[in-house]
Amino acid sequence: MTKRDQQLIILVAVVIVGGLVFRFWPRAAQATGTIGDINYHLHEAERLLRGRQNITTRDKAVTAELGKLQTRFFSAVDPENAQISLLKAVENLANQAALGVSQKNLVSMHDGSIGVALEGKTSPSSLIRFLYLTSQDRIGQRIYRLQIHSLPETEQLNYQVTVITLLIKKD
């Protein structure tokens, strides 16, 4: 064999050994667990724990906000007392707005809502003030129905309005 043939055989042997080492080295290192691999798993575990802490913190914040919002509605446990409380609250708002009320009725809706229907004659400013006070009240009220007829000779409005709120199950 010539010197050139020997160099070629050595080169081929080095390439084959290098390929085998490159091929099987990562599997052997992964099986035994390298430092980089352990750091990766620790980093992944810390990331998962931070995610769990974020979820727990968000859950607490949502629960606190839900508690605040539930105070705006009446409990479905005792709907009769809830209707009476709503009636008193609406009467109070009508008195604050100087709304002329000739008739008031309690209303139960199909979707679990309760309400108060008011009817009467009043000035436009009193009706607008009542609607504003209703929207700003701490109880979660909304206007379900509003019907207005104007009386130009007396500068008053003949109105029918229904104010409703939800009954909710509180924990």
C-alpha atoms as a PDB file:
ATOM      1  CA  MET A   1       0.000   0.000   0.000  1.00  0.00           C
ATOM      2  CA  THR A   2       1.131   3.368  -0.807  1.00  0.00           C
ATOM      3  CA  LYS A   3       1.244   6.259   1.566  1.00  0.00           C
ATOM      4  CA  ARG A   4      -1.666   7.867  -0.216  1.00  0.00           C
ATOM      5  CA  ASP A   5      -3.850   4.730   0.238  1.00  0.00           C
ATOM      6  CA  GLN A   6      -3.007   4.636   3.957  1.00  0.00           C
ATOM      7  CA  GLN A   7      -4.028   8.275   4.387  1.00  0.00           C
ATOM      8  CA  LEU A   8      -7.278   7.618   2.535  1.00  0.00           C
ATOM      9  CA  ILE A   9      -8.077   4.603   4.737  1.00  0.00           C
ATOM     10  CA  ILE A  10      -7.285   6.601   7.903  1.00  0.00           C
ATOM     11  CA  LEU A  11      -9.484   9.463   6.695  1.00  0.00           C
ATOM     12  CA  VAL A  12     -12.392   7.118   5.946  1.00  0.00           C
ATOM     13  CA  ALA A  13     -11.981   5.405   9.332  1.00  0.00           C
ATOM     14  CA  VAL A  14     -11.950   8.785  11.147  1.00  0.00           C
ATOM     15  CA  VAL A  15     -15.101   9.889   9.292  1.00  0.00           C
ATOM     16  CA  ILE A  16     -16.888   6.603  10.110  1.00  0.00           C
ATOM     17  CA  VAL A  17     -15.878   6.737  13.793  1.00  0.00           C
ATOM     18  CA  GLY A  18     -16.837  10.429  13.955  1.00  0.00           C
ATOM     19  CA  GLY A  19     -20.237   9.651  12.400  1.00  0.00           C
ATOM     20  CA  LEU A  20     -20.856   6.828  14.873  1.00  0.00           C
ATOM     21  CA  VAL A  21     -19.865   8.988  17.833  1.00  0.00           C
ATOM     22  CA  PHE A  22     -22.060  11.827  16.566  1.00  0.00           C
ATOM     23  CA  ARG A  23     -24.931   9.403  15.960  1.00  0.00           C
ATOM     24  CA  PHE A  24     -24.901   7.679  19.358  1.00  0.00           C
ATOM     25  CA  TRP A  25     -23.489  10.366  21.680  1.00  0.00           C
ATOM     26  CA  PRO A  26     -26.743  12.388  22.262  1.00  0.00           C
ATOM     27  CA  ARG A  27     -28.678   9.244  23.163  1.00  0.00           C
ATOM     28  CA  ALA A  28     -26.107   8.170  25.706  1.00  0.00           C
ATOM     29  CA  ALA A  29     -25.992  11.682  27.230  1.00  0.00           C
ATOM     30  CA  GLN A  30     -29.779  11.862  27.365  1.00  0.00           C
ATOM     31  CA  ALA A  31     -30.028   8.491  29.050  1.00  0.00           C
ATOM     32  CA  THR A  32     -27.586   9.470  31.760  1.00  0.00           C
ATOM     33  CA  GLY A  33     -28.975  13.027  32.131  1.00  0.00           C
ATOM     34  CA  THR A  34     -26.679  15.939  31.413  1.00  0.00           C
ATOM     35  CA  ILE A  35     -26.529  19.180  33.356  1.00  0.00           C
ATOM     36  CA  GLY A  36     -28.161  21.102  30.478  1.00  0.00           C
ATOM     37  CA  ASP A  37     -31.006  18.609  30.384  1.00  0.00           C
ATOM     38  CA  ILE A  38     -31.595  18.948  34.146  1.00  0.00           C
ATOM     39  CA  ASN A  39     -31.553  22.750  33.868  1.00  0.00           C
ATOM     40  CA  TYR A  40     -34.122  22.575  31.090  1.00  0.00           C
ATOM     41  CA  HIS A  41     -36.449  20.405  33.195  1.00  0.00           C
ATOM     42  CA  LEU A  42     -36.007  22.701  36.226  1.00  0.00           C
ATOM     43  CA  HIS A  43     -36.787  25.733  34.074  1.00  0.00           C
ATOM     44  CA  GLU A  44     -39.901  24.029  32.711  1.00  0.00           C
ATOM     45  CA  ALA A  45     -41.067  23.087  36.239  1.00  0.00           C
ATOM     46  CA  GLU A  46     -40.581  26.679  37.446  1.00  0.00           C
ATOM     47  CA  ARG A  47     -42.562  27.970  34.463  1.00  0.00           C
ATOM     48  CA  LEU A  48     -45.440  25.610  35.261  1.00  0.00           C
ATOM     49  CA  LEU A  49     -45.426  26.654  38.937  1.00  0.00           C
ATOM     50  CA  ARG A  50     -45.515  30.344  37.982  1.00  0.00           C
ATOM     51  CA  GLY A  51     -48.451  29.578  35.700  1.00  0.00           C
ATOM     52  CA  ARG A  52     -50.266  27.864  38.568  1.00  0.00           C
ATOM     53  CA  GLN A  53     -49.613  30.828  40.864  1.00  0.00           C
ATOM     54  CA  ASN A  54     -50.980  33.181  38.201  1.00  0.00           C
ATOM     55  CA  ILE A  55     -54.129  31.090  37.848  1.00  0.00           C
ATOM     56  CA  THR A  56     -54.609  31.005  41.640  1.00  0.00           C
ATOM     57  CA  THR A  57     -54.148  34.781  41.891  1.00  0.00           C
ATOM     58  CA  ARG A  58     -56.590  35.399  39.051  1.00  0.00           C
ATOM     59  CA  ASP A  59     -59.123  33.043  40.618  1.00  0.00           C
ATOM     60  CA  LYS A  60     -58.973  34.955  43.908  1.00  0.00           C
ATOM     61  CA  ALA A  61     -59.389  38.289  42.104  1.00  0.00           C
ATOM     62  CA  VAL A  62     -62.368  37.023  40.097  1.00  0.00           C
ATOM     63  CA  THR A  63     -64.003  35.570  43.213  1.00  0.00           C
ATOM     64  CA  ALA A  64     -63.627  38.888  45.044  1.00  0.00           C
ATOM     65  CA  GLU A  65     -65.074  40.811  42.084  1.00  0.00           C
ATOM     66  CA  LEU A  66     -67.973  38.356  41.818  1.00  0.00           C
ATOM     67  CA  GLY A  67     -68.722  38.907  45.510  1.00  0.00           C
ATOM     68  CA  LYS A  68     -68.858  42.671  44.911  1.00  0.00           C
ATOM     69  CA  LEU A  69     -71.145  42.266  41.912  1.00  0.00           C
ATOM     70  CA  GLN A  70     -73.477  39.857  43.731  1.00  0.00           C
ATOM     71  CA  THR A  71     -74.256  42.537  46.300  1.00  0.00           C
ATOM     72  CA  ARG A  72     -75.938  44.513  43.507  1.00  0.00           C
ATOM     73  CA  PHE A  73     -78.667  41.892  43.051  1.00  0.00           C
ATOM     74  CA  PHE A  74     -81.273  40.281  45.265  1.00  0.00           C
ATOM     75  CA  SER A  75     -81.080  36.676  46.423  1.00  0.00           C
ATOM     76  CA  ALA A  76     -83.305  34.086  44.777  1.00  0.00           C
ATOM     77  CA  VAL A  77     -83.708  32.307  48.127  1.00  0.00           C
ATOM     78  CA  ASP A  78     -86.565  34.591  49.228  1.00  0.00           C
ATOM     79  CA  PRO A  79     -88.182  36.199  46.149  1.00  0.00           C
ATOM     80  CA  GLU A  80     -91.061  37.790  48.091  1.00  0.00           C
ATOM     81  CA  ASN A  81     -88.711  39.810  50.293  1.00  0.00           C
ATOM     82  CA  ALA A  82     -86.649  40.661  47.223  1.00  0.00           C
ATOM     83  CA  GLN A  83     -89.735  42.066  45.486  1.00  0.00           C
ATOM     84  CA  ILE A  84     -90.639  44.159  48.517  1.00  0.00           C
ATOM     85  CA  SER A  85     -87.048  45.448  48.759  1.00  0.00           C
ATOM     86  CA  LEU A  86     -87.059  46.338  45.068  1.00  0.00           C
ATOM     87  CA  LEU A  87     -90.418  48.104  45.456  1.00  0.00           C
ATOM     88  CA  LYS A  88     -89.020  50.179  48.354  1.00  0.00           C
ATOM     89  CA  ALA A  89     -85.889  51.033  46.371  1.00  0.00           C
ATOM     90  CA  VAL A  90     -87.899  52.135  43.313  1.00  0.00           C
ATOM     91  CA  GLU A  91     -90.290  54.167  45.490  1.00  0.00           C
ATOM     92  CA  ASN A  92     -87.293  55.880  47.067  1.00  0.00           C
ATOM     93  CA  LEU A  93     -85.908  56.759  43.630  1.00  0.00           C
ATOM     94  CA  ALA A  94     -89.324  58.044  42.517  1.00  0.00           C
ATOM     95  CA  ASN A  95     -89.493  60.277  45.613  1.00  0.00           C
ATOM     96  CA  GLN A  96     -85.988  61.616  44.969  1.00  0.00           C
ATOM     97  CA  ALA A  97     -86.910  62.479  41.379  1.00  0.00           C
ATOM     98  CA  ALA A  98     -90.319  63.941  42.353  1.00  0.00           C
ATOM     99  CA  LEU A  99     -91.966  61.475  39.996  1.00  0.00           C
ATOM    100  CA  GLY A 100     -95.747  61.516  40.131  1.00  0.00           C
ATOM    101  CA  VAL A 101     -96.843  57.893  40.602  1.00  0.00           C
ATOM    102  CA  SER A 102    -100.520  56.983  40.354  1.00  0.00           C
ATOM    103  CA  GLN A 103    -100.155  53.208  40.173  1.00  0.00           C
ATOM    104  CA  LYS A 104     -97.402  50.684  41.013  1.00  0.00           C
ATOM    105  CA  ASN A 105     -97.366  46.909  40.596  1.00  0.00           C
ATOM    106  CA  LEU A 106     -94.928  44.104  41.304  1.00  0.00           C
ATOM    107  CA  VAL A 107     -93.944  42.092  38.218  1.00  0.00           C
ATOM    108  CA  SER A 108     -92.375  38.625  37.914  1.00  0.00           C
ATOM    109  CA  MET A 109     -90.679  37.846  34.606  1.00  0.00           C
ATOM    110  CA  HIS A 110     -90.179  34.492  32.870  1.00  0.00           C
ATOM    111  CA  ASP A 111     -86.388  34.617  33.075  1.00  0.00           C
ATOM    112  CA  GLY A 112     -86.195  34.856  36.861  1.00  0.00           C
ATOM    113  CA  SER A 113     -86.221  38.646  36.967  1.00  0.00           C
ATOM    114  CA  ILE A 114     -88.451  40.681  39.239  1.00  0.00           C
ATOM    115  CA  GLY A 115     -89.691  44.166  38.608  1.00  0.00           C
ATOM    116  CA  VAL A 116     -91.859  47.112  39.525  1.00  0.00           C
ATOM    117  CA  ALA A 117     -94.228  48.713  37.026  1.00  0.00           C
ATOM    118  CA  LEU A 118     -94.981  52.401  37.592  1.00  0.00           C
ATOM    119  CA  GLU A 119     -97.604  54.552  35.927  1.00  0.00           C
ATOM    120  CA  GLY A 120     -98.527  58.196  36.279  1.00  0.00           C
ATOM    121  CA  LYS A 121     -98.206  61.790  35.090  1.00  0.00           C
ATOM    122  CA  THR A 122     -95.092  63.877  35.614  1.00  0.00           C
ATOM    123  CA  SER A 123     -92.883  66.573  34.154  1.00  0.00           C
ATOM    124  CA  PRO A 124     -90.233  65.583  31.590  1.00  0.00           C
ATOM    125  CA  SER A 125     -87.400  66.632  33.919  1.00  0.00           C
ATOM    126  CA  SER A 126     -88.725  64.387  36.718  1.00  0.00           C
ATOM    127  CA  LEU A 127     -88.954  61.379  34.403  1.00  0.00           C
ATOM    128  CA  ILE A 128     -85.458  61.951  33.047  1.00  0.00           C
ATOM    129  CA  ARG A 129     -84.100  62.346  36.581  1.00  0.00           C
ATOM    130  CA  PHE A 130     -85.833  59.104  37.621  1.00  0.00           C
ATOM    131  CA  LEU A 131     -84.313  57.242  34.648  1.00  0.00           C
ATOM    132  CA  TYR A 132     -80.884  58.634  35.504  1.00  0.00           C
ATOM    133  CA  LEU A 133     -81.182  57.699  39.184  1.00  0.00           C
ATOM    134  CA  THR A 134     -82.325  54.203  38.210  1.00  0.00           C
ATOM    135  CA  SER A 135     -79.256  53.685  36.023  1.00  0.00           C
ATOM    136  CA  GLN A 136     -76.926  54.976  38.771  1.00  0.00           C
ATOM    137  CA  ASP A 137     -78.462  53.085  41.706  1.00  0.00           C
ATOM    138  CA  ARG A 138     -76.352  50.440  43.486  1.00  0.00           C
ATOM    139  CA  ILE A 139     -78.957  47.752  42.776  1.00  0.00           C
ATOM    140  CA  GLY A 140     -78.538  46.238  39.311  1.00  0.00           C
ATOM    141  CA  GLN A 141     -81.686  47.725  37.840  1.00  0.00           C
ATOM    142  CA  ARG A 142     -82.529  48.325  34.239  1.00  0.00           C
ATOM    143  CA  ILE A 143     -85.496  49.718  32.359  1.00  0.00           C
ATOM    144  CA  TYR A 144     -87.442  46.883  30.796  1.00  0.00           C
ATOM    145  CA  ARG A 145     -90.244  48.889  29.237  1.00  0.00           C
ATOM    146  CA  LEU A 146     -90.898  52.595  28.843  1.00  0.00           C
ATOM    147  CA  GLN A 147     -93.949  54.107  27.223  1.00  0.00           C
ATOM    148  CA  ILE A 148     -94.487  57.866  27.095  1.00  0.00           C
ATOM    149  CA  HIS A 149     -97.435  59.986  25.898  1.00  0.00           C
ATOM    150  CA  SER A 150     -97.073  63.731  25.903  1.00  0.00           C
ATOM    151  CA  LEU A 151     -99.802  66.052  27.151  1.00  0.00           C
ATOM    152  CA  PRO A 152     -98.905  69.392  25.491  1.00  0.00           C
ATOM    153  CA  GLU A 153    -101.697  71.420  27.133  1.00  0.00           C
ATOM    154  CA  THR A 154    -100.396  70.663  30.652  1.00  0.00           C
ATOM    155  CA  GLU A 155     -96.708  70.229  29.661  1.00  0.00           C
ATOM    156  CA  GLN A 156     -96.629  66.845  31.350  1.00  0.00           C
ATOM    157  CA  LEU A 157     -95.931  63.274  30.324  1.00  0.00           C
ATOM    158  CA  ASN A 158     -98.198  60.312  30.824  1.00  0.00           C
ATOM    159  CA  TYR A 159     -95.757  57.414  31.341  1.00  0.00           C
ATOM    160  CA  GLN A 160     -95.558  53.703  32.009  1.00  0.00           C
ATOM    161  CA  VAL A 161     -92.199  52.310  33.050  1.00  0.00           C
ATOM    162  CA  THR A 162     -91.086  48.880  34.239  1.00  0.00           C
ATOM    163  CA  VAL A 163     -87.865  48.597  36.231  1.00  0.00           C
ATOM    164  CA  ILE A 164     -86.453  45.076  36.601  1.00  0.00           C
ATOM    165  CA  THR A 165     -83.504  43.357  38.255  1.00  0.00           C
ATOM    166  CA  LEU A 166     -82.202  39.795  38.421  1.00  0.00           C
ATOM    167  CA  LEU A 167     -82.591  37.306  41.232  1.00  0.00           C
ATOM    168  CA  ILE A 168     -79.383  35.364  41.690  1.00  0.00           C
ATOM    169  CA  LYS A 169     -78.295  32.398  43.751  1.00  0.00           C
ATOM    170  CA  LYS A 170     -75.666  33.611  46.166  1.00  0.00           C
ATOM    171  CA  ASP A 171     -73.149  31.234  47.674  1.00  0.00           C
END
